[in-house]
Amino acid sequence: RGERGGREQLFRGGRQQQRLQRRPARGASNTRVRFPKDTYFATCHPGLEPALASELRGLPGVLEVTEGRAGVNFLGSKGIETRYRANLELRSAIRVLELLAECQLELDGNERGGGDSVYDAIRKIDWREYIPRGCTFKVKAVVWDNTEVTSSLLVSIRTRDAVCDCLRDDAGWRPEDPRDSAPDVPLQVVVYRDSMKIYLDTSRESLHKRGYR
C-alpha cells in the first residue's frame, strides 16, 4: 500500500501544475506534452519523507514542498542552483529527479499501440536541449497499473528509439550505446495508468555514494 502511494505521488502536482508551460508539438499525433519549469521529485526511503521535506524547506530557492510516500515534490526558483544544492546538501534523499515533460498517453487497446504512443510523446521533446553532441544516455522505465503498456522494456526501447530519431533528424548525429559504462545523461520514464512522466536523473547515482573514494 505504501509503495502504491509512492507511485501515485510521482503524479501529483498540486499547485505545481499551474507552472506548466506548453511547447509546440513536434510529432504527428495529437498527444499533448507539457513541459514543467523547475519541478523536482527527491526520492527517499519510506518513513524519511518528513526529514527530507524539512531539509528541502531549509534550502534557498526551494518552493512548494509536498510530502509523498518514498519522496518529496518541490519547485525550485533559482534554476540550476537549486538542483546543485539539492544534490550537494540533502542527506535524506536517494536521488533528485527533474521533471522534463509529462503527458496523457493515447491508447488504442493493444500494447503495440501503447508503445507507439510512448514513442510519439517522447519524439515531441527537443532532445538537443538535454543531450549534447557526443554524449550517451540510458533510459530506466517503470510501469504501473496500465492495461496496454505492461512492459518496462518496451517503454525503454521506444523511448530510446524516439530520442535517437530526434537527434538524428534534428542534429545529424546518433548517440552511441553506453553499454556497461555510466551514461552521460540518465533518464527515467514513469508510466502510471494513462499518464507518463519523463525525468532527468540529476544525481546520476545514489546520493549515498556522494564523495566516496
N, C-alpha and C. Protein backbone atom coordinates (compact mmCIF):
# COMPACT_ATOMS: atom_id res chain seq x y z
N ARG A 1 0.82 -1.21 0.00
CA ARG A 1 0.00 0.00 0.00
C ARG A 1 0.85 1.25 0.00
N GLY A 2 1.90 1.22 0.88
CA GLY A 2 2.79 2.37 0.93
C GLY A 2 3.52 2.57 -0.38
N GLU A 3 3.88 1.45 -1.04
CA GLU A 3 4.58 1.53 -2.32
C GLU A 3 3.69 2.17 -3.37
N ARG A 4 2.38 1.80 -3.35
CA ARG A 4 1.46 2.39 -4.31
C ARG A 4 1.35 3.89 -4.09
N GLY A 5 1.36 4.30 -2.79
CA GLY A 5 1.28 5.72 -2.51
C GLY A 5 2.47 6.46 -3.08
N GLY A 6 3.66 5.81 -3.02
CA GLY A 6 4.84 6.43 -3.59
C GLY A 6 4.72 6.60 -5.08
N ARG A 7 4.13 5.60 -5.74
CA ARG A 7 3.94 5.68 -7.18
C ARG A 7 3.00 6.82 -7.53
N GLU A 8 1.89 6.90 -6.78
CA GLU A 8 0.91 7.93 -7.08
C GLU A 8 1.49 9.32 -6.84
N GLN A 9 2.41 9.44 -5.88
CA GLN A 9 2.98 10.74 -5.58
C GLN A 9 3.74 11.32 -6.76
N LEU A 10 4.29 10.46 -7.60
CA LEU A 10 5.01 10.93 -8.78
C LEU A 10 4.08 11.65 -9.74
N PHE A 11 2.76 11.43 -9.57
CA PHE A 11 1.80 12.02 -10.49
C PHE A 11 0.94 13.07 -9.82
N ARG A 12 1.34 13.51 -8.66
CA ARG A 12 0.62 14.60 -8.02
C ARG A 12 1.42 15.87 -8.20
N GLY A 13 0.76 16.89 -8.64
CA GLY A 13 1.46 18.14 -8.83
C GLY A 13 0.94 19.24 -7.95
N GLY A 14 -0.36 19.15 -7.54
CA GLY A 14 -0.95 20.23 -6.76
C GLY A 14 -0.85 21.54 -7.51
N ARG A 15 -0.41 22.54 -6.80
CA ARG A 15 -0.27 23.85 -7.43
C ARG A 15 0.88 23.90 -8.43
N GLN A 16 1.72 22.87 -8.40
CA GLN A 16 2.83 22.85 -9.35
C GLN A 16 2.32 22.82 -10.78
N GLN A 17 1.12 22.24 -10.99
CA GLN A 17 0.59 22.17 -12.34
C GLN A 17 0.36 23.55 -12.92
N GLN A 18 0.16 24.55 -12.06
CA GLN A 18 -0.06 25.90 -12.55
C GLN A 18 1.18 26.47 -13.22
N ARG A 19 2.34 25.86 -12.96
CA ARG A 19 3.59 26.37 -13.53
C ARG A 19 3.93 25.71 -14.85
N LEU A 20 3.05 24.79 -15.32
CA LEU A 20 3.37 24.08 -16.55
C LEU A 20 3.34 25.01 -17.75
N GLN A 21 4.25 24.78 -18.67
CA GLN A 21 4.31 25.54 -19.91
C GLN A 21 4.21 24.58 -21.07
N ARG A 22 3.58 25.00 -22.14
CA ARG A 22 3.41 24.12 -23.29
C ARG A 22 4.25 24.62 -24.46
N ARG A 23 4.91 23.67 -25.13
CA ARG A 23 5.70 24.00 -26.32
C ARG A 23 5.00 23.43 -27.54
N PRO A 24 5.34 23.90 -28.70
CA PRO A 24 4.71 23.37 -29.91
C PRO A 24 4.99 21.89 -30.08
N ALA A 25 4.00 21.16 -30.57
CA ALA A 25 4.15 19.72 -30.80
C ALA A 25 5.14 19.48 -31.92
N ARG A 26 5.89 18.36 -31.81
CA ARG A 26 6.89 18.05 -32.81
C ARG A 26 6.51 16.81 -33.62
N GLY A 27 5.67 15.95 -33.06
CA GLY A 27 5.31 14.71 -33.73
C GLY A 27 4.01 14.83 -34.48
N ALA A 28 3.54 13.70 -35.05
CA ALA A 28 2.35 13.72 -35.87
C ALA A 28 1.08 13.47 -35.07
N SER A 29 1.17 12.91 -33.87
CA SER A 29 -0.02 12.58 -33.10
C SER A 29 -0.56 13.83 -32.40
N ASN A 30 -1.73 13.65 -31.78
CA ASN A 30 -2.35 14.76 -31.07
C ASN A 30 -2.01 14.76 -29.59
N THR A 31 -1.07 13.93 -29.18
CA THR A 31 -0.67 13.88 -27.78
C THR A 31 -0.15 15.23 -27.32
N ARG A 32 -0.71 15.72 -26.23
CA ARG A 32 -0.26 17.00 -25.68
C ARG A 32 0.80 16.75 -24.63
N VAL A 33 1.97 17.22 -24.91
CA VAL A 33 3.09 17.07 -23.98
C VAL A 33 3.30 18.40 -23.28
N ARG A 34 3.34 18.36 -21.98
CA ARG A 34 3.54 19.58 -21.19
C ARG A 34 4.93 19.59 -20.58
N PHE A 35 5.48 20.79 -20.48
CA PHE A 35 6.86 20.95 -20.04
C PHE A 35 6.90 21.80 -18.77
N PRO A 36 7.02 21.17 -17.60
CA PRO A 36 7.06 21.94 -16.36
C PRO A 36 8.37 22.69 -16.21
N LYS A 37 8.33 23.70 -15.38
CA LYS A 37 9.52 24.52 -15.15
C LYS A 37 9.99 24.34 -13.72
N ASP A 38 11.25 23.92 -13.59
CA ASP A 38 11.88 23.80 -12.27
C ASP A 38 11.07 22.95 -11.29
N THR A 39 10.63 21.78 -11.75
CA THR A 39 9.84 20.87 -10.93
C THR A 39 10.66 19.61 -10.65
N TYR A 40 10.73 19.22 -9.38
CA TYR A 40 11.60 18.12 -8.98
C TYR A 40 10.87 17.12 -8.09
N PHE A 41 11.42 15.91 -8.04
CA PHE A 41 10.96 14.88 -7.11
C PHE A 41 12.20 14.24 -6.50
N ALA A 42 12.37 14.45 -5.19
CA ALA A 42 13.50 13.85 -4.48
C ALA A 42 13.03 12.55 -3.85
N THR A 43 13.67 11.45 -4.20
CA THR A 43 13.27 10.15 -3.67
C THR A 43 13.97 9.88 -2.35
N CYS A 44 13.33 9.05 -1.52
CA CYS A 44 13.91 8.68 -0.23
C CYS A 44 13.31 7.35 0.21
N HIS A 45 13.85 6.79 1.27
CA HIS A 45 13.28 5.57 1.82
C HIS A 45 11.97 5.90 2.54
N PRO A 46 10.97 5.02 2.48
CA PRO A 46 9.71 5.26 3.18
C PRO A 46 9.95 5.54 4.66
N GLY A 47 9.29 6.57 5.17
CA GLY A 47 9.46 6.96 6.56
C GLY A 47 10.35 8.17 6.74
N LEU A 48 11.17 8.47 5.72
CA LEU A 48 12.07 9.62 5.81
C LEU A 48 11.51 10.87 5.13
N GLU A 49 10.27 10.80 4.67
CA GLU A 49 9.69 11.95 3.97
C GLU A 49 9.67 13.23 4.82
N PRO A 50 9.26 13.17 6.10
CA PRO A 50 9.27 14.40 6.90
C PRO A 50 10.67 15.00 7.06
N ALA A 51 11.65 14.15 7.26
CA ALA A 51 13.03 14.64 7.39
C ALA A 51 13.51 15.27 6.10
N LEU A 52 13.19 14.63 4.98
CA LEU A 52 13.61 15.17 3.68
C LEU A 52 12.89 16.48 3.40
N ALA A 53 11.60 16.54 3.70
CA ALA A 53 10.85 17.78 3.48
C ALA A 53 11.42 18.92 4.32
N SER A 54 11.80 18.60 5.55
CA SER A 54 12.39 19.62 6.42
C SER A 54 13.71 20.13 5.85
N GLU A 55 14.52 19.23 5.34
CA GLU A 55 15.78 19.63 4.71
C GLU A 55 15.52 20.54 3.52
N LEU A 56 14.55 20.16 2.69
CA LEU A 56 14.26 20.95 1.49
C LEU A 56 13.78 22.35 1.84
N ARG A 57 12.95 22.46 2.87
CA ARG A 57 12.44 23.78 3.26
C ARG A 57 13.56 24.69 3.74
N GLY A 58 14.66 24.10 4.14
CA GLY A 58 15.79 24.90 4.60
C GLY A 58 16.75 25.31 3.50
N LEU A 59 16.53 24.82 2.27
CA LEU A 59 17.41 25.17 1.16
C LEU A 59 16.94 26.45 0.48
N PRO A 60 17.85 27.36 0.14
CA PRO A 60 17.47 28.58 -0.57
C PRO A 60 16.87 28.25 -1.94
N GLY A 61 15.80 28.93 -2.29
CA GLY A 61 15.21 28.78 -3.62
C GLY A 61 14.24 27.64 -3.77
N VAL A 62 13.99 26.88 -2.70
CA VAL A 62 13.04 25.75 -2.78
C VAL A 62 11.65 26.23 -2.39
N LEU A 63 10.66 25.90 -3.23
CA LEU A 63 9.28 26.33 -3.02
C LEU A 63 8.34 25.13 -3.04
N GLU A 64 7.17 25.29 -2.44
CA GLU A 64 6.07 24.34 -2.53
C GLU A 64 6.50 22.90 -2.29
N VAL A 65 7.02 22.66 -1.13
CA VAL A 65 7.45 21.32 -0.74
C VAL A 65 6.22 20.49 -0.37
N THR A 66 6.06 19.33 -1.02
CA THR A 66 4.90 18.47 -0.78
C THR A 66 5.37 17.05 -0.49
N GLU A 67 5.09 16.59 0.72
CA GLU A 67 5.48 15.23 1.09
C GLU A 67 4.60 14.20 0.39
N GLY A 68 5.24 13.11 -0.03
CA GLY A 68 4.50 11.98 -0.56
C GLY A 68 4.97 10.73 0.16
N ARG A 69 4.92 9.62 -0.50
CA ARG A 69 5.48 8.39 0.04
C ARG A 69 6.71 8.03 -0.78
N ALA A 70 7.79 7.79 -0.10
CA ALA A 70 9.07 7.48 -0.76
C ALA A 70 9.59 8.64 -1.58
N GLY A 71 9.21 9.86 -1.22
CA GLY A 71 9.73 11.01 -1.94
C GLY A 71 9.01 12.30 -1.62
N VAL A 72 9.57 13.39 -2.10
CA VAL A 72 9.00 14.72 -1.86
C VAL A 72 9.06 15.54 -3.14
N ASN A 73 7.92 16.12 -3.52
CA ASN A 73 7.87 17.04 -4.66
C ASN A 73 8.27 18.43 -4.21
N PHE A 74 8.95 19.16 -5.08
CA PHE A 74 9.25 20.56 -4.76
C PHE A 74 9.53 21.34 -6.04
N LEU A 75 9.42 22.65 -5.93
CA LEU A 75 9.76 23.55 -7.03
C LEU A 75 11.04 24.29 -6.68
N GLY A 76 11.77 24.70 -7.70
CA GLY A 76 12.98 25.48 -7.50
C GLY A 76 12.85 26.84 -8.15
N SER A 77 13.31 27.87 -7.49
CA SER A 77 13.21 29.23 -8.03
C SER A 77 14.54 29.79 -8.49
N LYS A 78 15.62 29.00 -8.36
CA LYS A 78 16.94 29.50 -8.72
C LYS A 78 17.61 28.67 -9.81
N GLY A 79 16.77 28.04 -10.64
CA GLY A 79 17.30 27.30 -11.78
C GLY A 79 18.25 26.19 -11.38
N ILE A 80 19.38 26.13 -12.08
CA ILE A 80 20.32 25.04 -11.87
C ILE A 80 20.93 25.06 -10.47
N GLU A 81 20.94 26.23 -9.82
CA GLU A 81 21.49 26.31 -8.47
C GLU A 81 20.68 25.44 -7.51
N THR A 82 19.36 25.41 -7.69
CA THR A 82 18.51 24.58 -6.84
C THR A 82 18.89 23.11 -6.98
N ARG A 83 19.10 22.68 -8.20
CA ARG A 83 19.48 21.29 -8.47
C ARG A 83 20.80 20.95 -7.80
N TYR A 84 21.79 21.83 -7.95
CA TYR A 84 23.10 21.56 -7.35
C TYR A 84 23.03 21.51 -5.83
N ARG A 85 22.30 22.45 -5.25
CA ARG A 85 22.19 22.49 -3.79
C ARG A 85 21.51 21.23 -3.25
N ALA A 86 20.45 20.80 -3.95
CA ALA A 86 19.73 19.61 -3.50
C ALA A 86 20.64 18.39 -3.52
N ASN A 87 21.40 18.22 -4.57
CA ASN A 87 22.30 17.07 -4.67
C ASN A 87 23.47 17.16 -3.71
N LEU A 88 23.90 18.36 -3.41
CA LEU A 88 25.07 18.55 -2.55
C LEU A 88 24.73 18.47 -1.07
N GLU A 89 23.56 19.01 -0.68
CA GLU A 89 23.27 19.20 0.73
C GLU A 89 22.25 18.25 1.34
N LEU A 90 21.39 17.65 0.54
CA LEU A 90 20.38 16.76 1.12
C LEU A 90 21.02 15.49 1.67
N ARG A 91 20.60 15.08 2.85
CA ARG A 91 21.14 13.88 3.49
C ARG A 91 20.13 12.74 3.53
N SER A 92 18.86 13.05 3.38
CA SER A 92 17.83 12.02 3.45
C SER A 92 17.42 11.51 2.07
N ALA A 93 17.86 12.19 1.02
CA ALA A 93 17.43 11.83 -0.33
C ALA A 93 18.29 10.72 -0.92
N ILE A 94 17.68 9.96 -1.83
CA ILE A 94 18.41 8.95 -2.59
C ILE A 94 18.82 9.51 -3.95
N ARG A 95 17.87 10.15 -4.61
CA ARG A 95 18.12 10.78 -5.91
C ARG A 95 17.27 12.04 -6.03
N VAL A 96 17.70 12.94 -6.90
CA VAL A 96 16.92 14.13 -7.22
C VAL A 96 16.57 14.07 -8.70
N LEU A 97 15.29 13.92 -8.99
CA LEU A 97 14.82 13.82 -10.37
C LEU A 97 14.20 15.13 -10.81
N GLU A 98 14.57 15.60 -11.99
CA GLU A 98 13.98 16.81 -12.55
C GLU A 98 12.95 16.41 -13.61
N LEU A 99 11.73 16.90 -13.46
CA LEU A 99 10.67 16.57 -14.40
C LEU A 99 10.84 17.37 -15.69
N LEU A 100 11.07 16.66 -16.79
CA LEU A 100 11.26 17.32 -18.09
C LEU A 100 9.95 17.51 -18.84
N ALA A 101 9.09 16.49 -18.79
CA ALA A 101 7.85 16.54 -19.56
C ALA A 101 6.86 15.53 -19.01
N GLU A 102 5.58 15.75 -19.32
CA GLU A 102 4.54 14.81 -18.94
C GLU A 102 3.40 14.88 -19.93
N CYS A 103 2.63 13.80 -20.01
CA CYS A 103 1.53 13.75 -20.96
C CYS A 103 0.55 12.65 -20.59
N GLN A 104 -0.60 12.67 -21.25
CA GLN A 104 -1.56 11.58 -21.21
C GLN A 104 -1.35 10.75 -22.47
N LEU A 105 -1.14 9.47 -22.31
CA LEU A 105 -0.90 8.60 -23.46
C LEU A 105 -2.19 8.36 -24.24
N GLU A 106 -2.07 8.29 -25.56
CA GLU A 106 -3.20 7.95 -26.42
C GLU A 106 -3.18 6.44 -26.64
N LEU A 107 -4.07 5.73 -25.99
CA LEU A 107 -4.08 4.27 -26.03
C LEU A 107 -5.22 3.76 -26.90
N ASP A 108 -4.97 2.66 -27.62
CA ASP A 108 -5.98 2.15 -28.56
C ASP A 108 -6.34 0.69 -28.34
N GLY A 109 -6.01 0.16 -27.18
CA GLY A 109 -6.47 -1.18 -26.86
C GLY A 109 -5.46 -2.29 -27.02
N ASN A 110 -4.24 -2.00 -27.47
CA ASN A 110 -3.23 -3.05 -27.56
C ASN A 110 -1.87 -2.49 -27.19
N GLU A 111 -0.98 -3.38 -26.79
CA GLU A 111 0.33 -2.94 -26.29
C GLU A 111 1.19 -2.31 -27.38
N ARG A 112 1.04 -2.79 -28.61
CA ARG A 112 1.82 -2.19 -29.69
C ARG A 112 1.43 -0.73 -29.87
N GLY A 113 0.12 -0.46 -29.82
CA GLY A 113 -0.33 0.93 -29.91
C GLY A 113 0.15 1.76 -28.75
N GLY A 114 0.22 1.13 -27.56
CA GLY A 114 0.73 1.85 -26.40
C GLY A 114 2.19 2.21 -26.58
N GLY A 115 2.97 1.30 -27.17
CA GLY A 115 4.37 1.60 -27.44
C GLY A 115 4.51 2.74 -28.43
N ASP A 116 3.64 2.78 -29.43
CA ASP A 116 3.67 3.87 -30.41
C ASP A 116 3.32 5.20 -29.75
N SER A 117 2.39 5.16 -28.79
CA SER A 117 2.02 6.38 -28.08
C SER A 117 3.18 6.91 -27.26
N VAL A 118 3.92 6.00 -26.64
CA VAL A 118 5.13 6.39 -25.90
C VAL A 118 6.12 7.05 -26.86
N TYR A 119 6.35 6.42 -27.99
CA TYR A 119 7.29 6.96 -28.99
C TYR A 119 6.86 8.36 -29.44
N ASP A 120 5.59 8.52 -29.79
CA ASP A 120 5.10 9.81 -30.28
C ASP A 120 5.29 10.91 -29.26
N ALA A 121 5.01 10.60 -27.99
CA ALA A 121 5.15 11.61 -26.95
C ALA A 121 6.61 11.99 -26.74
N ILE A 122 7.49 11.00 -26.67
CA ILE A 122 8.92 11.28 -26.46
C ILE A 122 9.49 12.05 -27.65
N ARG A 123 9.00 11.74 -28.82
CA ARG A 123 9.51 12.38 -30.04
C ARG A 123 9.20 13.87 -30.09
N LYS A 124 8.22 14.31 -29.33
CA LYS A 124 7.85 15.73 -29.33
C LYS A 124 8.76 16.59 -28.45
N ILE A 125 9.66 15.95 -27.75
CA ILE A 125 10.62 16.69 -26.92
C ILE A 125 11.85 17.01 -27.76
N ASP A 126 12.35 18.22 -27.65
CA ASP A 126 13.57 18.60 -28.37
C ASP A 126 14.77 18.14 -27.55
N TRP A 127 15.26 16.96 -27.87
CA TRP A 127 16.33 16.37 -27.06
C TRP A 127 17.67 17.05 -27.25
N ARG A 128 17.79 17.94 -28.22
CA ARG A 128 19.03 18.71 -28.36
C ARG A 128 19.28 19.57 -27.13
N GLU A 129 18.22 19.89 -26.40
CA GLU A 129 18.36 20.72 -25.20
C GLU A 129 18.98 19.95 -24.04
N TYR A 130 18.87 18.63 -24.06
CA TYR A 130 19.27 17.83 -22.91
C TYR A 130 20.45 16.90 -23.16
N ILE A 131 20.69 16.54 -24.42
CA ILE A 131 21.77 15.60 -24.72
C ILE A 131 22.74 16.25 -25.71
N PRO A 132 23.86 16.77 -25.23
CA PRO A 132 24.84 17.40 -26.12
C PRO A 132 25.45 16.40 -27.09
N ARG A 133 25.93 16.91 -28.20
CA ARG A 133 26.55 16.06 -29.22
C ARG A 133 27.69 15.23 -28.61
N GLY A 134 27.70 13.95 -28.93
CA GLY A 134 28.75 13.07 -28.44
C GLY A 134 28.47 12.42 -27.10
N CYS A 135 27.40 12.83 -26.43
CA CYS A 135 27.09 12.26 -25.12
C CYS A 135 26.23 11.00 -25.25
N THR A 136 26.27 10.18 -24.24
CA THR A 136 25.45 8.97 -24.21
C THR A 136 24.28 9.16 -23.25
N PHE A 137 23.26 8.33 -23.40
CA PHE A 137 22.14 8.36 -22.47
C PHE A 137 21.63 6.94 -22.24
N LYS A 138 20.93 6.77 -21.15
CA LYS A 138 20.31 5.47 -20.85
C LYS A 138 18.95 5.73 -20.23
N VAL A 139 18.01 4.83 -20.51
CA VAL A 139 16.63 5.00 -20.05
C VAL A 139 16.28 3.92 -19.03
N LYS A 140 15.80 4.34 -17.88
CA LYS A 140 15.20 3.42 -16.91
C LYS A 140 13.70 3.65 -16.96
N ALA A 141 12.94 2.61 -17.21
CA ALA A 141 11.49 2.74 -17.32
C ALA A 141 10.80 1.98 -16.20
N VAL A 142 9.72 2.58 -15.71
CA VAL A 142 8.90 1.97 -14.67
C VAL A 142 7.45 2.04 -15.11
N VAL A 143 6.73 0.93 -15.03
CA VAL A 143 5.34 0.88 -15.48
C VAL A 143 4.46 0.32 -14.37
N TRP A 144 3.35 1.03 -14.08
CA TRP A 144 2.40 0.58 -13.08
C TRP A 144 0.96 0.78 -13.56
N ASP A 145 0.14 -0.21 -13.33
CA ASP A 145 -1.32 -0.09 -13.50
C ASP A 145 -1.75 0.42 -14.86
N ASN A 146 -1.09 -0.03 -15.92
CA ASN A 146 -1.51 0.33 -17.27
C ASN A 146 -1.87 -0.95 -18.00
N THR A 147 -3.09 -1.02 -18.51
CA THR A 147 -3.57 -2.27 -19.12
C THR A 147 -3.00 -2.52 -20.50
N GLU A 148 -2.48 -1.49 -21.16
CA GLU A 148 -1.96 -1.65 -22.51
C GLU A 148 -0.44 -1.64 -22.56
N VAL A 149 0.16 -0.81 -21.75
CA VAL A 149 1.62 -0.76 -21.68
C VAL A 149 2.03 -1.48 -20.40
N THR A 150 2.44 -2.72 -20.53
CA THR A 150 2.75 -3.53 -19.35
C THR A 150 4.23 -3.87 -19.24
N SER A 151 5.00 -3.54 -20.25
CA SER A 151 6.42 -3.91 -20.27
C SER A 151 7.31 -2.68 -20.11
N SER A 152 8.11 -2.68 -19.06
CA SER A 152 9.06 -1.58 -18.88
C SER A 152 10.13 -1.62 -19.96
N LEU A 153 10.45 -2.82 -20.45
CA LEU A 153 11.44 -2.94 -21.52
C LEU A 153 10.92 -2.27 -22.80
N LEU A 154 9.64 -2.46 -23.10
CA LEU A 154 9.05 -1.82 -24.28
C LEU A 154 9.14 -0.31 -24.17
N VAL A 155 8.80 0.23 -23.01
CA VAL A 155 8.86 1.68 -22.80
C VAL A 155 10.29 2.18 -22.96
N SER A 156 11.24 1.45 -22.41
CA SER A 156 12.64 1.83 -22.51
C SER A 156 13.11 1.84 -23.97
N ILE A 157 12.76 0.80 -24.72
CA ILE A 157 13.18 0.70 -26.12
C ILE A 157 12.55 1.79 -26.98
N ARG A 158 11.23 2.01 -26.80
CA ARG A 158 10.55 3.02 -27.61
C ARG A 158 11.02 4.43 -27.26
N THR A 159 11.36 4.64 -26.00
CA THR A 159 11.91 5.94 -25.61
C THR A 159 13.27 6.16 -26.25
N ARG A 160 14.12 5.15 -26.20
CA ARG A 160 15.44 5.28 -26.82
C ARG A 160 15.32 5.51 -28.32
N ASP A 161 14.41 4.78 -28.97
CA ASP A 161 14.20 4.98 -30.41
C ASP A 161 13.83 6.42 -30.72
N ALA A 162 12.90 6.96 -29.94
CA ALA A 162 12.42 8.32 -30.18
C ALA A 162 13.52 9.36 -29.97
N VAL A 163 14.30 9.18 -28.90
CA VAL A 163 15.38 10.13 -28.62
C VAL A 163 16.43 10.08 -29.73
N CYS A 164 16.81 8.88 -30.14
CA CYS A 164 17.81 8.73 -31.20
C CYS A 164 17.31 9.31 -32.52
N ASP A 165 16.04 9.07 -32.84
CA ASP A 165 15.48 9.61 -34.08
C ASP A 165 15.45 11.13 -34.06
N CYS A 166 15.13 11.69 -32.91
CA CYS A 166 15.11 13.15 -32.78
C CYS A 166 16.49 13.73 -33.03
N LEU A 167 17.50 13.17 -32.40
CA LEU A 167 18.86 13.70 -32.56
C LEU A 167 19.40 13.46 -33.97
N ARG A 168 19.04 12.33 -34.56
CA ARG A 168 19.47 12.05 -35.93
C ARG A 168 18.84 13.03 -36.92
N ASP A 169 17.54 13.26 -36.79
CA ASP A 169 16.82 14.11 -37.74
C ASP A 169 17.10 15.60 -37.53
N ASP A 170 17.22 16.01 -36.27
CA ASP A 170 17.33 17.44 -35.97
C ASP A 170 18.76 17.92 -35.74
N ALA A 171 19.66 17.01 -35.38
CA ALA A 171 21.03 17.43 -35.09
C ALA A 171 22.06 16.71 -35.95
N GLY A 172 21.65 15.68 -36.68
CA GLY A 172 22.56 15.00 -37.59
C GLY A 172 23.52 14.02 -36.95
N TRP A 173 23.19 13.51 -35.76
CA TRP A 173 24.06 12.52 -35.13
C TRP A 173 23.21 11.56 -34.30
N ARG A 174 23.76 10.41 -34.00
CA ARG A 174 23.04 9.40 -33.22
C ARG A 174 23.91 8.95 -32.05
N PRO A 175 23.38 8.97 -30.84
CA PRO A 175 24.17 8.58 -29.67
C PRO A 175 24.61 7.13 -29.71
N GLU A 176 25.78 6.87 -29.16
CA GLU A 176 26.27 5.50 -29.02
C GLU A 176 25.66 4.86 -27.77
N ASP A 177 25.61 3.55 -27.77
CA ASP A 177 25.12 2.82 -26.60
C ASP A 177 26.20 2.85 -25.52
N PRO A 178 25.88 3.32 -24.30
CA PRO A 178 26.90 3.37 -23.25
C PRO A 178 27.31 1.99 -22.75
N ARG A 179 26.54 0.96 -23.14
CA ARG A 179 26.79 -0.42 -22.72
C ARG A 179 26.87 -0.49 -21.19
N ASP A 180 27.98 -0.94 -20.67
CA ASP A 180 28.07 -1.13 -19.22
C ASP A 180 28.60 0.10 -18.49
N SER A 181 29.00 1.12 -19.21
CA SER A 181 29.52 2.32 -18.57
C SER A 181 28.37 3.24 -18.15
N ALA A 182 28.67 4.15 -17.26
CA ALA A 182 27.65 5.08 -16.79
C ALA A 182 27.31 6.07 -17.91
N PRO A 183 26.03 6.32 -18.17
CA PRO A 183 25.65 7.25 -19.23
C PRO A 183 25.91 8.69 -18.82
N ASP A 184 26.10 9.55 -19.80
CA ASP A 184 26.25 10.97 -19.52
C ASP A 184 24.93 11.59 -19.08
N VAL A 185 23.83 11.09 -19.66
CA VAL A 185 22.50 11.63 -19.37
C VAL A 185 21.57 10.47 -18.99
N PRO A 186 21.36 10.23 -17.69
CA PRO A 186 20.45 9.17 -17.27
C PRO A 186 19.00 9.68 -17.23
N LEU A 187 18.10 8.97 -17.87
CA LEU A 187 16.69 9.35 -17.92
C LEU A 187 15.85 8.31 -17.20
N GLN A 188 14.73 8.76 -16.67
CA GLN A 188 13.78 7.84 -16.06
C GLN A 188 12.38 8.16 -16.58
N VAL A 189 11.71 7.14 -17.10
CA VAL A 189 10.35 7.30 -17.64
C VAL A 189 9.40 6.50 -16.77
N VAL A 190 8.36 7.16 -16.27
CA VAL A 190 7.39 6.51 -15.40
C VAL A 190 6.02 6.53 -16.06
N VAL A 191 5.45 5.35 -16.27
CA VAL A 191 4.09 5.24 -16.82
C VAL A 191 3.18 4.74 -15.71
N TYR A 192 2.19 5.54 -15.37
CA TYR A 192 1.23 5.18 -14.32
C TYR A 192 -0.17 5.38 -14.88
N ARG A 193 -0.90 4.27 -15.06
CA ARG A 193 -2.20 4.31 -15.71
C ARG A 193 -2.03 4.94 -17.09
N ASP A 194 -2.74 6.02 -17.39
CA ASP A 194 -2.65 6.62 -18.72
C ASP A 194 -1.66 7.78 -18.77
N SER A 195 -0.94 8.02 -17.70
CA SER A 195 -0.03 9.16 -17.63
C SER A 195 1.42 8.72 -17.79
N MET A 196 2.22 9.59 -18.35
CA MET A 196 3.65 9.32 -18.48
C MET A 196 4.44 10.56 -18.09
N LYS A 197 5.48 10.35 -17.31
CA LYS A 197 6.37 11.43 -16.93
C LYS A 197 7.80 11.05 -17.29
N ILE A 198 8.54 12.04 -17.77
CA ILE A 198 9.93 11.84 -18.18
C ILE A 198 10.82 12.68 -17.27
N TYR A 199 11.73 12.03 -16.59
CA TYR A 199 12.62 12.70 -15.64
C TYR A 199 14.08 12.62 -16.10
N LEU A 200 14.82 13.64 -15.72
CA LEU A 200 16.28 13.61 -15.80
C LEU A 200 16.80 13.29 -14.41
N ASP A 201 17.58 12.24 -14.29
CA ASP A 201 18.18 11.88 -13.01
C ASP A 201 19.40 12.75 -12.80
N THR A 202 19.22 13.83 -12.04
CA THR A 202 20.30 14.79 -11.87
C THR A 202 21.39 14.27 -10.93
N SER A 203 21.11 13.21 -10.18
CA SER A 203 22.09 12.66 -9.25
C SER A 203 23.04 11.67 -9.92
N ARG A 204 22.56 11.05 -11.00
CA ARG A 204 23.31 10.07 -11.79
C ARG A 204 23.50 8.76 -11.05
N GLU A 205 23.81 8.78 -9.78
CA GLU A 205 23.84 7.56 -8.99
C GLU A 205 23.40 7.90 -7.57
N SER A 206 23.12 6.88 -6.79
CA SER A 206 22.57 7.10 -5.45
C SER A 206 23.43 8.07 -4.64
N LEU A 207 22.76 8.99 -3.96
CA LEU A 207 23.48 10.04 -3.23
C LEU A 207 24.27 9.50 -2.04
N HIS A 208 24.02 8.27 -1.62
CA HIS A 208 24.82 7.74 -0.52
C HIS A 208 26.27 7.51 -0.95
N LYS A 209 26.52 7.51 -2.27
CA LYS A 209 27.88 7.35 -2.78
C LYS A 209 28.59 8.68 -2.96
N ARG A 210 27.91 9.75 -2.64
CA ARG A 210 28.47 11.09 -2.82
C ARG A 210 29.77 11.24 -2.04
N GLY A 211 30.82 11.63 -2.74
CA GLY A 211 32.10 11.84 -2.08
C GLY A 211 32.89 10.57 -1.80
N TYR A 212 32.35 9.42 -2.26
CA TYR A 212 33.04 8.15 -1.99
C TYR A 212 34.31 8.05 -2.82
N ARG A 213 35.37 7.56 -2.22
CA ARG A 213 36.65 7.38 -2.92
C ARG A 213 37.07 5.92 -2.84
